[in-house]
Structure formats: C-alpha cells, structure tokens
PDB file of N, CA and C in Angstrom:
ATOM      1  N   MET A   1     156.738 -69.625  54.466  1.00  0.00           N
ATOM      2  CA  MET A   1     157.303 -69.262  55.726  1.00  0.00           C
ATOM      3  C   MET A   1     157.571 -70.528  56.521  1.00  0.00           C
ATOM      4  N   GLU A   2     158.700 -70.556  57.149  1.00  0.00           N
ATOM      5  CA  GLU A   2     159.078 -71.734  57.913  1.00  0.00           C
ATOM      6  C   GLU A   2     158.376 -71.749  59.264  1.00  0.00           C
ATOM      7  N   ASN A   3     158.143 -72.928  59.761  1.00  0.00           N
ATOM      8  CA  ASN A   3     157.558 -73.085  61.089  1.00  0.00           C
ATOM      9  C   ASN A   3     158.661 -73.197  62.127  1.00  0.00           C
ATOM     10  N   LYS A   4     159.198 -72.065  62.488  1.00  0.00           N
ATOM     11  CA  LYS A   4     160.240 -72.056  63.509  1.00  0.00           C
ATOM     12  C   LYS A   4     159.591 -71.844  64.866  1.00  0.00           C
ATOM     13  N   PRO A   5     160.045 -72.601  65.861  1.00  0.00           N
ATOM     14  CA  PRO A   5     159.493 -72.365  67.196  1.00  0.00           C
ATOM     15  C   PRO A   5     159.915 -70.981  67.693  1.00  0.00           C
ATOM     16  N   LEU A   6     158.987 -70.336  68.353  1.00  0.00           N
ATOM     17  CA  LEU A   6     159.297 -69.031  68.909  1.00  0.00           C
ATOM     18  C   LEU A   6     160.203 -69.197  70.110  1.00  0.00           C
ATOM     19  N   LYS A   7     161.146 -68.315  70.206  1.00  0.00           N
ATOM     20  CA  LYS A   7     162.064 -68.366  71.328  1.00  0.00           C
ATOM     21  C   LYS A   7     161.594 -67.353  72.368  1.00  0.00           C
ATOM     22  N   HIS A   8     161.429 -67.837  73.594  1.00  0.00           N
ATOM     23  CA  HIS A   8     161.003 -66.965  74.685  1.00  0.00           C
ATOM     24  C   HIS A   8     162.236 -66.336  75.313  1.00  0.00           C
ATOM     25  N   VAL A   9     162.201 -65.051  75.423  1.00  0.00           N
ATOM     26  CA  VAL A   9     163.341 -64.337  75.976  1.00  0.00           C
ATOM     27  C   VAL A   9     162.943 -63.711  77.305  1.00  0.00           C
ATOM     28  N   ASN A  10     163.622 -64.099  78.358  1.00  0.00           N
ATOM     29  CA  ASN A  10     163.413 -63.473  79.656  1.00  0.00           C
ATOM     30  C   ASN A  10     164.451 -62.367  79.809  1.00  0.00           C
ATOM     31  N   ARG A  11     163.975 -61.219  80.219  1.00  0.00           N
ATOM     32  CA  ARG A  11     164.900 -60.124  80.466  1.00  0.00           C
ATOM     33  C   ARG A  11     164.432 -59.370  81.697  1.00  0.00           C
ATOM     34  N   PRO A  12     165.342 -58.753  82.379  1.00  0.00           N
ATOM     35  CA  PRO A  12     164.945 -57.973  83.551  1.00  0.00           C
ATOM     36  C   PRO A  12     164.071 -56.790  83.132  1.00  0.00           C
ATOM     37  N   LEU A  13     163.106 -56.462  83.989  1.00  0.00           N
ATOM     38  CA  LEU A  13     162.257 -55.312  83.713  1.00  0.00           C
ATOM     39  C   LEU A  13     163.036 -54.027  83.943  1.00  0.00           C
ATOM     40  N   THR A  14     162.687 -53.033  83.160  1.00  0.00           N
ATOM     41  CA  THR A  14     163.282 -51.720  83.390  1.00  0.00           C
ATOM     42  C   THR A  14     162.567 -51.074  84.576  1.00  0.00           C
ATOM     43  N   GLU A  15     163.132 -50.046  85.118  1.00  0.00           N
ATOM     44  CA  GLU A  15     162.518 -49.350  86.251  1.00  0.00           C
ATOM     45  C   GLU A  15     161.154 -48.773  85.867  1.00  0.00           C
ATOM     46  N   ASP A  16     161.031 -48.248  84.642  1.00  0.00           N
ATOM     47  CA  ASP A  16     159.740 -47.734  84.165  1.00  0.00           C
ATOM     48  C   ASP A  16     158.692 -48.841  84.111  1.00  0.00           C
ATOM     49  N   GLU A  17     159.073 -50.027  83.647  1.00  0.00           N
ATOM     50  CA  GLU A  17     158.142 -51.147  83.578  1.00  0.00           C
ATOM     51  C   GLU A  17     157.723 -51.602  84.979  1.00  0.00           C
ATOM     52  N   ARG A  18     158.661 -51.630  85.910  1.00  0.00           N
ATOM     53  CA  ARG A  18     158.340 -52.004  87.294  1.00  0.00           C
ATOM     54  C   ARG A  18     157.322 -51.037  87.889  1.00  0.00           C
ATOM     55  N   GLN A  19     157.517 -49.755  87.674  1.00  0.00           N
ATOM     56  CA  GLN A  19     156.593 -48.751  88.207  1.00  0.00           C
ATOM     57  C   GLN A  19     155.212 -48.879  87.576  1.00  0.00           C
ATOM     58  N   ARG A  20     155.192 -49.104  86.274  1.00  0.00           N
ATOM     59  CA  ARG A  20     153.922 -49.266  85.579  1.00  0.00           C
ATOM     60  C   ARG A  20     153.184 -50.497  86.077  1.00  0.00           C
ATOM     61  N   HIS A  21     153.886 -51.607  86.280  1.00  0.00           N
ATOM     62  CA  HIS A  21     153.257 -52.826  86.798  1.00  0.00           C
ATOM     63  C   HIS A  21     152.746 -52.616  88.224  1.00  0.00           C
ATOM     64  N   ALA A  22     153.506 -51.890  89.038  1.00  0.00           N
ATOM     65  CA  ALA A  22     153.074 -51.602  90.409  1.00  0.00           C
ATOM     66  C   ALA A  22     151.803 -50.764  90.402  1.00  0.00           C
ATOM     67  N   GLN A  23     151.716 -49.796  89.493  1.00  0.00           N
ATOM     68  CA  GLN A  23     150.504 -48.968  89.391  1.00  0.00           C
ATOM     69  C   GLN A  23     149.306 -49.801  88.957  1.00  0.00           C
ATOM     70  N   ILE A  24     149.527 -50.713  88.033  1.00  0.00           N
ATOM     71  CA  ILE A  24     148.441 -51.582  87.559  1.00  0.00           C
ATOM     72  C   ILE A  24     147.953 -52.468  88.700  1.00  0.00           C
ATOM     73  N   ARG A  25     148.885 -53.065  89.483  1.00  0.00           N
ATOM     74  CA  ARG A  25     148.501 -53.911  90.610  1.00  0.00           C
ATOM     75  C   ARG A  25     147.719 -53.125  91.659  1.00  0.00           C
ATOM     76  N   GLU A  26     148.183 -51.922  91.980  1.00  0.00           N
ATOM     77  CA  GLU A  26     147.500 -51.086  92.972  1.00  0.00           C
ATOM     78  C   GLU A  26     146.081 -50.734  92.505  1.00  0.00           C
ATOM     79  N   ALA A  27     145.944 -50.392  91.228  1.00  0.00           N
ATOM     80  CA  ALA A  27     144.615 -50.061  90.697  1.00  0.00           C
ATOM     81  C   ALA A  27     143.697 -51.280  90.747  1.00  0.00           C
ATOM     82  N   ALA A  28     144.241 -52.450  90.449  1.00  0.00           N
ATOM     83  CA  ALA A  28     143.436 -53.673  90.485  1.00  0.00           C
ATOM     84  C   ALA A  28     142.999 -53.990  91.912  1.00  0.00           C
ATOM     85  N   GLU A  29     143.884 -53.808  92.881  1.00  0.00           N
ATOM     86  CA  GLU A  29     143.530 -54.078  94.275  1.00  0.00           C
ATOM     87  C   GLU A  29     142.496 -53.090  94.801  1.00  0.00           C
ATOM     88  N   ARG A  30     142.544 -51.849  94.318  1.00  0.00           N
ATOM     89  CA  ARG A  30     141.516 -50.879  94.722  1.00  0.00           C
ATOM     90  C   ARG A  30     140.164 -51.263  94.138  1.00  0.00           C
ATOM     91  N   GLY A  31     140.166 -51.770  92.920  1.00  0.00           N
ATOM     92  CA  GLY A  31     138.926 -52.161  92.268  1.00  0.00           C
ATOM     93  C   GLY A  31     138.384 -53.478  92.806  1.00  0.00           C
ATOM     94  N   PHE A  32     139.278 -54.383  93.177  1.00  0.00           N
ATOM     95  CA  PHE A  32     138.906 -55.694  93.695  1.00  0.00           C
ATOM     96  C   PHE A  32     139.728 -55.974  94.935  1.00  0.00           C
ATOM     97  N   PRO A  33     139.369 -55.367  96.066  1.00  0.00           N
ATOM     98  CA  PRO A  33     140.188 -55.570  97.262  1.00  0.00           C
ATOM     99  C   PRO A  33     140.123 -57.023  97.719  1.00  0.00           C
ATOM    100  N   PRO A  34     141.216 -57.542  98.246  1.00  0.00           N
ATOM    101  CA  PRO A  34     141.173 -58.918  98.742  1.00  0.00           C
ATOM    102  C   PRO A  34     140.221 -59.013  99.926  1.00  0.00           C
ATOM    103  N   SER A  35     139.488 -60.098  99.993  1.00  0.00           N
ATOM    104  CA  SER A  35     138.539 -60.241 101.092  1.00  0.00           C
ATOM    105  C   SER A  35     139.294 -60.592 102.367  1.00  0.00           C
ATOM    106  N   PRO A  36     138.939 -59.952 103.458  1.00  0.00           N
ATOM    107  CA  PRO A  36     139.614 -60.248 104.723  1.00  0.00           C
ATOM    108  C   PRO A  36     139.289 -61.658 105.180  1.00  0.00           C
ATOM    109  N   THR A  37     140.216 -62.275 105.894  1.00  0.00           N
ATOM    110  CA  THR A  37     139.962 -63.619 106.390  1.00  0.00           C
ATOM    111  C   THR A  37     138.924 -63.565 107.487  1.00  0.00           C
ATOM    112  N   GLY A  38     138.125 -64.582 107.550  1.00  0.00           N
ATOM    113  CA  GLY A  38     137.083 -64.629 108.566  1.00  0.00           C
ATOM    114  C   GLY A  38     136.028 -63.564 108.374  1.00  0.00           C
ATOM    115  N   ALA A  39     135.669 -63.278 107.128  1.00  0.00           N
ATOM    116  CA  ALA A  39     134.749 -62.180 106.834  1.00  0.00           C
ATOM    117  C   ALA A  39     133.286 -62.570 107.026  1.00  0.00           C
ATOM    118  N   ARG A  40     133.035 -63.794 107.489  1.00  0.00           N
ATOM    119  CA  ARG A  40     131.642 -64.200 107.693  1.00  0.00           C
ATOM    120  C   ARG A  40     131.031 -63.403 108.830  1.00  0.00           C
ATOM    121  N   PRO A  41     129.776 -63.074 108.718  1.00  0.00           N
ATOM    122  CA  PRO A  41     129.122 -62.380 109.835  1.00  0.00           C
ATOM    123  C   PRO A  41     128.999 -63.338 111.017  1.00  0.00           C
ATOM    124  N   PRO A  42     128.896 -62.817 112.226  1.00  0.00           N
ATOM    125  CA  PRO A  42     128.771 -63.708 113.385  1.00  0.00           C
ATOM    126  C   PRO A  42     127.467 -64.499 113.317  1.00  0.00           C
ATOM    127  N   ALA A  43     127.514 -65.685 113.895  1.00  0.00           N
ATOM    128  CA  ALA A  43     126.318 -66.532 113.916  1.00  0.00           C
ATOM    129  C   ALA A  43     125.285 -65.915 114.849  1.00  0.00           C
ATOM    130  N   PRO A  44     124.000 -66.107 114.538  1.00  0.00           N
ATOM    131  CA  PRO A  44     122.969 -65.639 115.468  1.00  0.00           C
ATOM    132  C   PRO A  44     123.146 -66.322 116.826  1.00  0.00           C
ATOM    133  N   PRO A  45     122.706 -65.675 117.898  1.00  0.00           N
ATOM    134  CA  PRO A  45     122.879 -66.280 119.223  1.00  0.00           C
ATOM    135  C   PRO A  45     122.060 -67.561 119.369  1.00  0.00           C
ATOM    136  N   GLY A  46     122.462 -68.379 120.302  1.00  0.00           N
ATOM    137  CA  GLY A  46     121.741 -69.619 120.569  1.00  0.00           C
ATOM    138  C   GLY A  46     122.366 -70.800 119.858  1.00  0.00           C
ATOM    139  N   ILE A  47     121.531 -71.641 119.300  1.00  0.00           N
ATOM    140  CA  ILE A  47     121.994 -72.875 118.666  1.00  0.00           C
ATOM    141  C   ILE A  47     122.986 -72.610 117.529  1.00  0.00           C
ATOM    142  N   PRO A  48     122.724 -71.656 116.613  1.00  0.00           N
ATOM    143  CA  PRO A  48     123.695 -71.438 115.525  1.00  0.00           C
ATOM    144  C   PRO A  48     125.096 -71.099 116.041  1.00  0.00           C
ATOM    145  N   ALA A  49     125.183 -70.245 117.038  1.00  0.00           N
ATOM    146  CA  ALA A  49     126.491 -69.851 117.566  1.00  0.00           C
ATOM    147  C   ALA A  49     127.190 -71.026 118.236  1.00  0.00           C
ATOM    148  N   LYS A  50     126.438 -71.855 118.953  1.00  0.00           N
ATOM    149  CA  LYS A  50     127.045 -72.999 119.638  1.00  0.00           C
ATOM    150  C   LYS A  50     127.509 -74.057 118.646  1.00  0.00           C
ATOM    151  N   ILE A  51     126.741 -74.270 117.587  1.00  0.00           N
ATOM    152  CA  ILE A  51     127.149 -75.229 116.550  1.00  0.00           C
ATOM    153  C   ILE A  51     128.430 -74.746 115.882  1.00  0.00           C
ATOM    154  N   ARG A  52     128.481 -73.458 115.510  1.00  0.00           N
ATOM    155  CA  ARG A  52     129.677 -72.924 114.853  1.00  0.00           C
ATOM    156  C   ARG A  52     130.894 -73.000 115.779  1.00  0.00           C
ATOM    157  N   ALA A  53     130.713 -72.615 117.043  1.00  0.00           N
ATOM    158  CA  ALA A  53     131.833 -72.636 117.985  1.00  0.00           C
ATOM    159  C   ALA A  53     132.367 -74.061 118.166  1.00  0.00           C
ATOM    160  N   ALA A  54     131.464 -75.028 118.278  1.00  0.00           N
ATOM    161  CA  ALA A  54     131.895 -76.419 118.447  1.00  0.00           C
ATOM    162  C   ALA A  54     132.612 -76.927 117.196  1.00  0.00           C
ATOM    163  N   ARG A  55     132.095 -76.582 116.029  1.00  0.00           N
ATOM    164  CA  ARG A  55     132.733 -77.025 114.777  1.00  0.00           C
ATOM    165  C   ARG A  55     134.117 -76.419 114.636  1.00  0.00           C
ATOM    166  N   GLU A  56     134.232 -75.108 114.875  1.00  0.00           N
ATOM    167  CA  GLU A  56     135.530 -74.441 114.739  1.00  0.00           C
ATOM    168  C   GLU A  56     136.509 -74.921 115.794  1.00  0.00           C
ATOM    169  N   ALA A  57     136.033 -75.222 117.009  1.00  0.00           N
ATOM    170  CA  ALA A  57     136.916 -75.729 118.060  1.00  0.00           C
ATOM    171  C   ALA A  57     137.519 -77.077 117.670  1.00  0.00           C
ATOM    172  N   ARG A  58     136.786 -77.839 116.887  1.00  0.00           N
ATOM    173  CA  ARG A  58     137.281 -79.141 116.435  1.00  0.00           C
ATOM    174  C   ARG A  58     138.048 -79.030 115.116  1.00  0.00           C
ATOM    175  N   GLY A  59     138.110 -77.835 114.555  1.00  0.00           N
ATOM    176  CA  GLY A  59     138.840 -77.628 113.303  1.00  0.00           C
ATOM    177  C   GLY A  59     138.175 -78.282 112.105  1.00  0.00           C
ATOM    178  N   MET A  60     136.862 -78.400 112.140  1.00  0.00           N
ATOM    179  CA  MET A  60     136.139 -79.058 111.051  1.00  0.00           C
ATOM    180  C   MET A  60     135.589 -78.043 110.063  1.00  0.00           C
ATOM    181  N   THR A  61     135.534 -78.442 108.813  1.00  0.00           N
ATOM    182  CA  THR A  61     134.883 -77.640 107.784  1.00  0.00           C
ATOM    183  C   THR A  61     133.411 -78.019 107.745  1.00  0.00           C
ATOM    184  N   TRP A  62     132.623 -77.236 107.011  1.00  0.00           N
ATOM    185  CA  TRP A  62     131.214 -77.587 106.827  1.00  0.00           C
ATOM    186  C   TRP A  62     131.102 -78.972 106.204  1.00  0.00           C
ATOM    187  N   TYR A  63     131.933 -79.229 105.216  1.00  0.00           N
ATOM    188  CA  TYR A  63     131.893 -80.511 104.504  1.00  0.00           C
ATOM    189  C   TYR A  63     132.226 -81.658 105.441  1.00  0.00           C
ATOM    190  N   ALA A  64     133.299 -81.512 106.231  1.00  0.00           N
ATOM    191  CA  ALA A  64     133.724 -82.579 107.135  1.00  0.00           C
ATOM    192  C   ALA A  64     132.638 -82.870 108.169  1.00  0.00           C
ATOM    193  N   LEU A  65     132.012 -81.846 108.698  1.00  0.00           N
ATOM    194  CA  LEU A  65     130.945 -82.040 109.678  1.00  0.00           C
ATOM    195  C   LEU A  65     129.737 -82.719 109.040  1.00  0.00           C
ATOM    196  N   ALA A  66     129.373 -82.309 107.842  1.00  0.00           N
ATOM    197  CA  ALA A  66     128.247 -82.947 107.151  1.00  0.00           C
ATOM    198  C   ALA A  66     128.532 -84.426 106.926  1.00  0.00           C
ATOM    199  N   GLN A  67     129.756 -84.756 106.531  1.00  0.00           N
ATOM    200  CA  GLN A  67     130.134 -86.159 106.324  1.00  0.00           C
ATOM    201  C   GLN A  67     130.054 -86.937 107.630  1.00  0.00           C
ATOM    202  N   ALA A  68     130.582 -86.351 108.719  1.00  0.00           N
ATOM    203  CA  ALA A  68     130.571 -87.027 110.019  1.00  0.00           C
ATOM    204  C   ALA A  68     129.148 -87.242 110.522  1.00  0.00           C
ATOM    205  N   ALA A  69     128.253 -86.317 110.205  1.00  0.00           N
ATOM    206  CA  ALA A  69     126.873 -86.403 110.668  1.00  0.00           C
ATOM    207  C   ALA A  69     126.003 -87.235 109.737  1.00  0.00           C
ATOM    208  N   GLY A  70     126.506 -87.584 108.567  1.00  0.00           N
ATOM    209  CA  GLY A  70     125.709 -88.329 107.600  1.00  0.00           C
ATOM    210  C   GLY A  70     124.683 -87.465 106.886  1.00  0.00           C
ATOM    211  N   VAL A  71     124.964 -86.157 106.840  1.00  0.00           N
ATOM    212  CA  VAL A  71     124.073 -85.226 106.143  1.00  0.00           C
ATOM    213  C   VAL A  71     124.620 -85.070 104.724  1.00  0.00           C
ATOM    214  N   PRO A  72     123.789 -85.267 103.697  1.00  0.00           N
ATOM    215  CA  PRO A  72     124.316 -85.283 102.339  1.00  0.00           C
ATOM    216  C   PRO A  72     124.798 -83.938 101.797  1.00  0.00           C
ATOM    217  N   ASN A  73     124.401 -82.834 102.411  1.00  0.00           N
ATOM    218  CA  ASN A  73     124.739 -81.524 101.844  1.00  0.00           C
ATOM    219  C   ASN A  73     125.415 -80.658 102.895  1.00  0.00           C
ATOM    220  N   SER A  74     126.637 -80.192 102.611  1.00  0.00           N
ATOM    221  CA  SER A  74     127.342 -79.339 103.570  1.00  0.00           C
ATOM    222  C   SER A  74     126.667 -77.979 103.721  1.00  0.00           C
ATOM    223  N   GLY A  75     125.827 -77.610 102.770  1.00  0.00           N
ATOM    224  CA  GLY A  75     125.073 -76.362 102.880  1.00  0.00           C
ATOM    225  C   GLY A  75     124.114 -76.382 104.065  1.00  0.00           C
ATOM    226  N   THR A  76     123.733 -77.566 104.502  1.00  0.00           N
ATOM    227  CA  THR A  76     122.865 -77.682 105.668  1.00  0.00           C
ATOM    228  C   THR A  76     123.574 -77.167 106.913  1.00  0.00           C
ATOM    229  N   VAL A  77     124.865 -77.464 107.045  1.00  0.00           N
ATOM    230  CA  VAL A  77     125.647 -76.969 108.191  1.00  0.00           C
ATOM    231  C   VAL A  77     125.711 -75.451 108.128  1.00  0.00           C
ATOM    232  N   ARG A  78     125.966 -74.920 106.948  1.00  0.00           N
ATOM    233  CA  ARG A  78     125.996 -73.463 106.777  1.00  0.00           C
ATOM    234  C   ARG A  78     124.659 -72.847 107.159  1.00  0.00           C
ATOM    235  N   ASP A  79     123.574 -73.471 106.703  1.00  0.00           N
ATOM    236  CA  ASP A  79     122.245 -72.948 107.013  1.00  0.00           C
ATOM    237  C   ASP A  79     121.981 -72.926 108.514  1.00  0.00           C
ATOM    238  N   ILE A  80     122.406 -73.966 109.217  1.00  0.00           N
ATOM    239  CA  ILE A  80     122.234 -73.991 110.674  1.00  0.00           C
ATOM    240  C   ILE A  80     123.010 -72.850 111.305  1.00  0.00           C
ATOM    241  N   GLU A  81     124.268 -72.679 110.884  1.00  0.00           N
ATOM    242  CA  GLU A  81     125.115 -71.644 111.471  1.00  0.00           C
ATOM    243  C   GLU A  81     124.627 -70.242 111.152  1.00  0.00           C
ATOM    244  N   GLU A  82     123.875 -70.081 110.091  1.00  0.00           N
ATOM    245  CA  GLU A  82     123.345 -68.767 109.735  1.00  0.00           C
ATOM    246  C   GLU A  82     121.924 -68.565 110.245  1.00  0.00           C
ATOM    247  N   GLY A  83     121.403 -69.544 111.004  1.00  0.00           N
ATOM    248  CA  GLY A  83     120.097 -69.397 111.625  1.00  0.00           C
ATOM    249  C   GLY A  83     118.923 -69.648 110.700  1.00  0.00           C
ATOM    250  N   ARG A  84     119.144 -70.338 109.607  1.00  0.00           N
ATOM    251  CA  ARG A  84     118.051 -70.636 108.677  1.00  0.00           C
ATOM    252  C   ARG A  84     117.297 -71.884 109.123  1.00  0.00           C
ATOM    253  N   ASP A  85     116.142 -72.095 108.539  1.00  0.00           N
ATOM    254  CA  ASP A  85     115.343 -73.277 108.855  1.00  0.00           C
ATOM    255  C   ASP A  85     115.980 -74.515 108.234  1.00  0.00           C
ATOM    256  N   VAL A  86     116.060 -75.582 109.034  1.00  0.00           N
ATOM    257  CA  VAL A  86     116.562 -76.872 108.562  1.00  0.00           C
ATOM    258  C   VAL A  86     115.696 -77.967 109.170  1.00  0.00           C
ATOM    259  N   LYS A  87     115.835 -79.160 108.648  1.00  0.00           N
ATOM    260  CA  LYS A  87     115.094 -80.284 109.199  1.00  0.00           C
ATOM    261  C   LYS A  87     115.638 -80.606 110.596  1.00  0.00           C
ATOM    262  N   LEU A  88     114.756 -80.923 111.502  1.00  0.00           N
ATOM    263  CA  LEU A  88     115.153 -81.247 112.867  1.00  0.00           C
ATOM    264  C   LEU A  88     116.080 -82.454 112.891  1.00  0.00           C
ATOM    265  N   SER A  89     115.845 -83.425 112.024  1.00  0.00           N
ATOM    266  CA  SER A  89     116.699 -84.619 111.987  1.00  0.00           C
ATOM    267  C   SER A  89     118.132 -84.250 111.602  1.00  0.00           C
ATOM    268  N   ASP A  90     118.296 -83.304 110.679  1.00  0.00           N
ATOM    269  CA  ASP A  90     119.644 -82.860 110.297  1.00  0.00           C
ATOM    270  C   ASP A  90     120.308 -82.120 111.451  1.00  0.00           C
ATOM    271  N   LEU A  91     119.548 -81.270 112.140  1.00  0.00           N
ATOM    272  CA  LEU A  91     120.095 -80.532 113.273  1.00  0.00           C
ATOM    273  C   LEU A  91     120.541 -81.491 114.372  1.00  0.00           C
ATOM    274  N   ARG A  92     119.722 -82.500 114.657  1.00  0.00           N
ATOM    275  CA  ARG A  92     120.099 -83.488 115.675  1.00  0.00           C
ATOM    276  C   ARG A  92     121.353 -84.254 115.262  1.00  0.00           C
ATOM    277  N   ALA A  93     121.452 -84.651 113.997  1.00  0.00           N
ATOM    278  CA  ALA A  93     122.612 -85.411 113.527  1.00  0.00           C
ATOM    279  C   ALA A  93     123.884 -84.580 113.629  1.00  0.00           C
ATOM    280  N   ILE A  94     123.807 -83.318 113.274  1.00  0.00           N
ATOM    281  CA  ILE A  94     124.983 -82.445 113.323  1.00  0.00           C
ATOM    282  C   ILE A  94     125.389 -82.188 114.773  1.00  0.00           C
ATOM    283  N   ALA A  95     124.414 -81.959 115.645  1.00  0.00           N
ATOM    284  CA  ALA A  95     124.724 -81.768 117.061  1.00  0.00           C
ATOM    285  C   ALA A  95     125.378 -83.019 117.633  1.00  0.00           C
ATOM    286  N   ALA A  96     124.860 -84.193 117.297  1.00  0.00           N
ATOM    287  CA  ALA A  96     125.421 -85.451 117.796  1.00  0.00           C
ATOM    288  C   ALA A  96     126.852 -85.655 117.290  1.00  0.00           C
ATOM    289  N   ALA A  97     127.116 -85.292 116.032  1.00  0.00           N
ATOM    290  CA  ALA A  97     128.468 -85.442 115.472  1.00  0.00           C
ATOM    291  C   ALA A  97     129.466 -84.541 116.194  1.00  0.00           C
ATOM    292  N   LEU A  98     128.981 -83.466 116.777  1.00  0.00           N
ATOM    293  CA  LEU A  98     129.839 -82.552 117.530  1.00  0.00           C
ATOM    294  C   LEU A  98     129.883 -82.891 119.019  1.00  0.00           C
ATOM    295  N   GLY A  99     129.158 -83.942 119.405  1.00  0.00           N
ATOM    296  CA  GLY A  99     129.128 -84.320 120.806  1.00  0.00           C
ATOM    297  C   GLY A  99     128.209 -83.433 121.631  1.00  0.00           C
ATOM    298  N   LEU A 100     127.240 -82.792 120.984  1.00  0.00           N
ATOM    299  CA  LEU A 100     126.289 -81.928 121.675  1.00  0.00           C
ATOM    300  C   LEU A 100     124.940 -82.616 121.741  1.00  0.00           C
ATOM    301  N   LYS A 101     124.156 -82.253 122.728  1.00  0.00           N
ATOM    302  CA  LYS A 101     122.821 -82.809 122.889  1.00  0.00           C
ATOM    303  C   LYS A 101     121.808 -81.705 122.652  1.00  0.00           C
ATOM    304  N   LEU A 102     120.832 -81.997 121.847  1.00  0.00           N
ATOM    305  CA  LEU A 102     119.774 -81.040 121.542  1.00  0.00           C
ATOM    306  C   LEU A 102     118.560 -81.387 122.391  1.00  0.00           C
ATOM    307  N   ASP A 103     118.187 -80.480 123.283  1.00  0.00           N
ATOM    308  CA  ASP A 103     117.034 -80.687 124.147  1.00  0.00           C
ATOM    309  C   ASP A 103     115.871 -79.831 123.668  1.00  0.00           C
ATOM    310  N   VAL A 104     114.688 -80.410 123.718  1.00  0.00           N
ATOM    311  CA  VAL A 104     113.478 -79.650 123.436  1.00  0.00           C
ATOM    312  C   VAL A 104     112.696 -79.620 124.739  1.00  0.00           C
ATOM    313  N   VAL A 105     112.383 -78.415 125.211  1.00  0.00           N
ATOM    314  CA  VAL A 105     111.651 -78.275 126.466  1.00  0.00           C
ATOM    315  C   VAL A 105     110.387 -77.481 126.219  1.00  0.00           C
ATOM    316  N   GLU A 106     109.451 -77.649 127.129  1.00  0.00           N
ATOM    317  CA  GLU A 106     108.196 -76.939 126.993  1.00  0.00           C
ATOM    318  C   GLU A 106     108.399 -75.455 127.240  1.00  0.00           C
ATOM    319  N   GLN A 107     107.775 -74.668 126.415  1.00  0.00           N
ATOM    320  CA  GLN A 107     107.882 -73.217 126.525  1.00  0.00           C
ATOM    321  C   GLN A 107     106.989 -72.749 127.671  1.00  0.00           C
ATOM    322  N   THR A 108     107.544 -71.907 128.562  1.00  0.00           N
ATOM    323  CA  THR A 108     106.780 -71.472 129.729  1.00  0.00           C
ATOM    324  C   THR A 108     105.950 -70.230 129.460  1.00  0.00           C
ATOM    325  N   SER A 109     106.302 -69.478 128.420  1.00  0.00           N
ATOM    326  CA  SER A 109     105.521 -68.292 128.080  1.00  0.00           C
ATOM    327  C   SER A 109     105.439 -68.171 126.570  1.00  0.00           C
ATOM    328  N   LEU A 110     104.695 -67.210 126.109  1.00  0.00           N
ATOM    329  CA  LEU A 110     104.567 -67.017 124.668  1.00  0.00           C
ATOM    330  C   LEU A 110     105.646 -66.104 124.108  1.00  0.00           C
ATOM    331  N   ALA A 111     106.554 -65.640 124.943  1.00  0.00           N
ATOM    332  CA  ALA A 111     107.602 -64.715 124.494  1.00  0.00           C
ATOM    333  C   ALA A 111     108.583 -65.428 123.583  1.00  0.00           C
ATOM    334  N   ALA A 112     109.746 -65.739 124.071  1.00  0.00           N
ATOM    335  CA  ALA A 112     110.784 -66.363 123.257  1.00  0.00           C
ATOM    336  C   ALA A 112     110.869 -67.847 123.599  1.00  0.00           C
ATOM    337  N   PRO A 113     111.260 -68.684 122.633  1.00  0.00           N
ATOM    338  CA  PRO A 113     111.413 -70.104 122.927  1.00  0.00           C
ATOM    339  C   PRO A 113     112.559 -70.326 123.921  1.00  0.00           C
ATOM    340  N   VAL A 114     112.415 -71.365 124.714  1.00  0.00           N
ATOM    341  CA  VAL A 114     113.443 -71.705 125.701  1.00  0.00           C
ATOM    342  C   VAL A 114     114.103 -72.975 125.232  1.00  0.00           C
ATOM    343  N   PHE A 115     115.423 -72.971 125.169  1.00  0.00           N
ATOM    344  CA  PHE A 115     116.163 -74.143 124.744  1.00  0.00           C
ATOM    345  C   PHE A 115     116.814 -74.766 125.963  1.00  0.00           C
ATOM    346  N   GLY A 116     116.947 -76.087 125.933  1.00  0.00           N
ATOM    347  CA  GLY A 116     117.574 -76.791 127.037  1.00  0.00           C
ATOM    348  C   GLY A 116     119.041 -76.455 127.175  1.00  0.00           C
ATOM    349  N   SER A 117     119.641 -76.905 128.237  1.00  0.00           N
ATOM    350  CA  SER A 117     121.041 -76.588 128.512  1.00  0.00           C
ATOM    351  C   SER A 117     121.997 -77.414 127.691  1.00  0.00           C
ATOM    352  N   GLY A 118     121.504 -78.381 126.913  1.00  0.00           N
ATOM    353  CA  GLY A 118     122.380 -79.198 126.096  1.00  0.00           C
ATOM    354  C   GLY A 118     123.072 -78.393 125.016  1.00  0.00           C
ATOM    355  N   LEU A 119     122.437 -77.368 124.519  1.00  0.00           N
ATOM    356  CA  LEU A 119     123.043 -76.493 123.508  1.00  0.00           C
ATOM    357  C   LEU A 119     122.999 -75.088 123.968  1.00  0.00           C
TER     358      LEU A 119
END
C-alpha cells in the first residue's frame, strides 16, 4: 500500500448535522455550565474585605500583589482575602504594598477584637 497523504476535505454541514451539533453543545453546557464571572464568595468583613477592595481598586492580581509585597506565594494573598490565618509579617507587607496601614490596638473588652482605623 502506498503512503499517500490524506486529503482533508472541508464541506458545509448539512442542516441535520447543524442541529445535532447544537443538541450536543446544549447537553454539554447543561452538564458543565460555564462558571459565572466573579463567582468568588464575598470576603469576610474587616481586614479581608479591605485588602480585597484595595487590590481590586488598583487592578492587581493575587500574583502581582504578592510580588509587590515581596511575599513568595500568591496563595497568601488569597488566604488573607478569605479570612484564613497568615503570618503577621505577610499581612503587614501586603497592606504596605497597597498603601494601607495595619494598626494593632488594645482590646477594650473580651467580646470582639478591635482593629485600628488604618484598615
């Protein structure tokens, strides 16, 4: 048998083929709906929300902010915005990169912590 290159033939789809492809696409989208933009849950109130708002106002990504702050892992920015525990030094560096000041003040009661007006 000779080794002839296969010739690719483009032809217009028939109406039946178009309908079948449309049905396949619709079924796939029902099974795997596209994720809506901005589908992240809102940041917890307080420092996480202020960090996220400042970052988004500057149009920065997690990676860009981590680089600007000298933090080696962009996941640290995500963790701050989601209210997870992070090192205080990383939180201070990220706040400083955004032009924010992190104040620590004495707690006046045992209820909820009080944060300074810097954030």
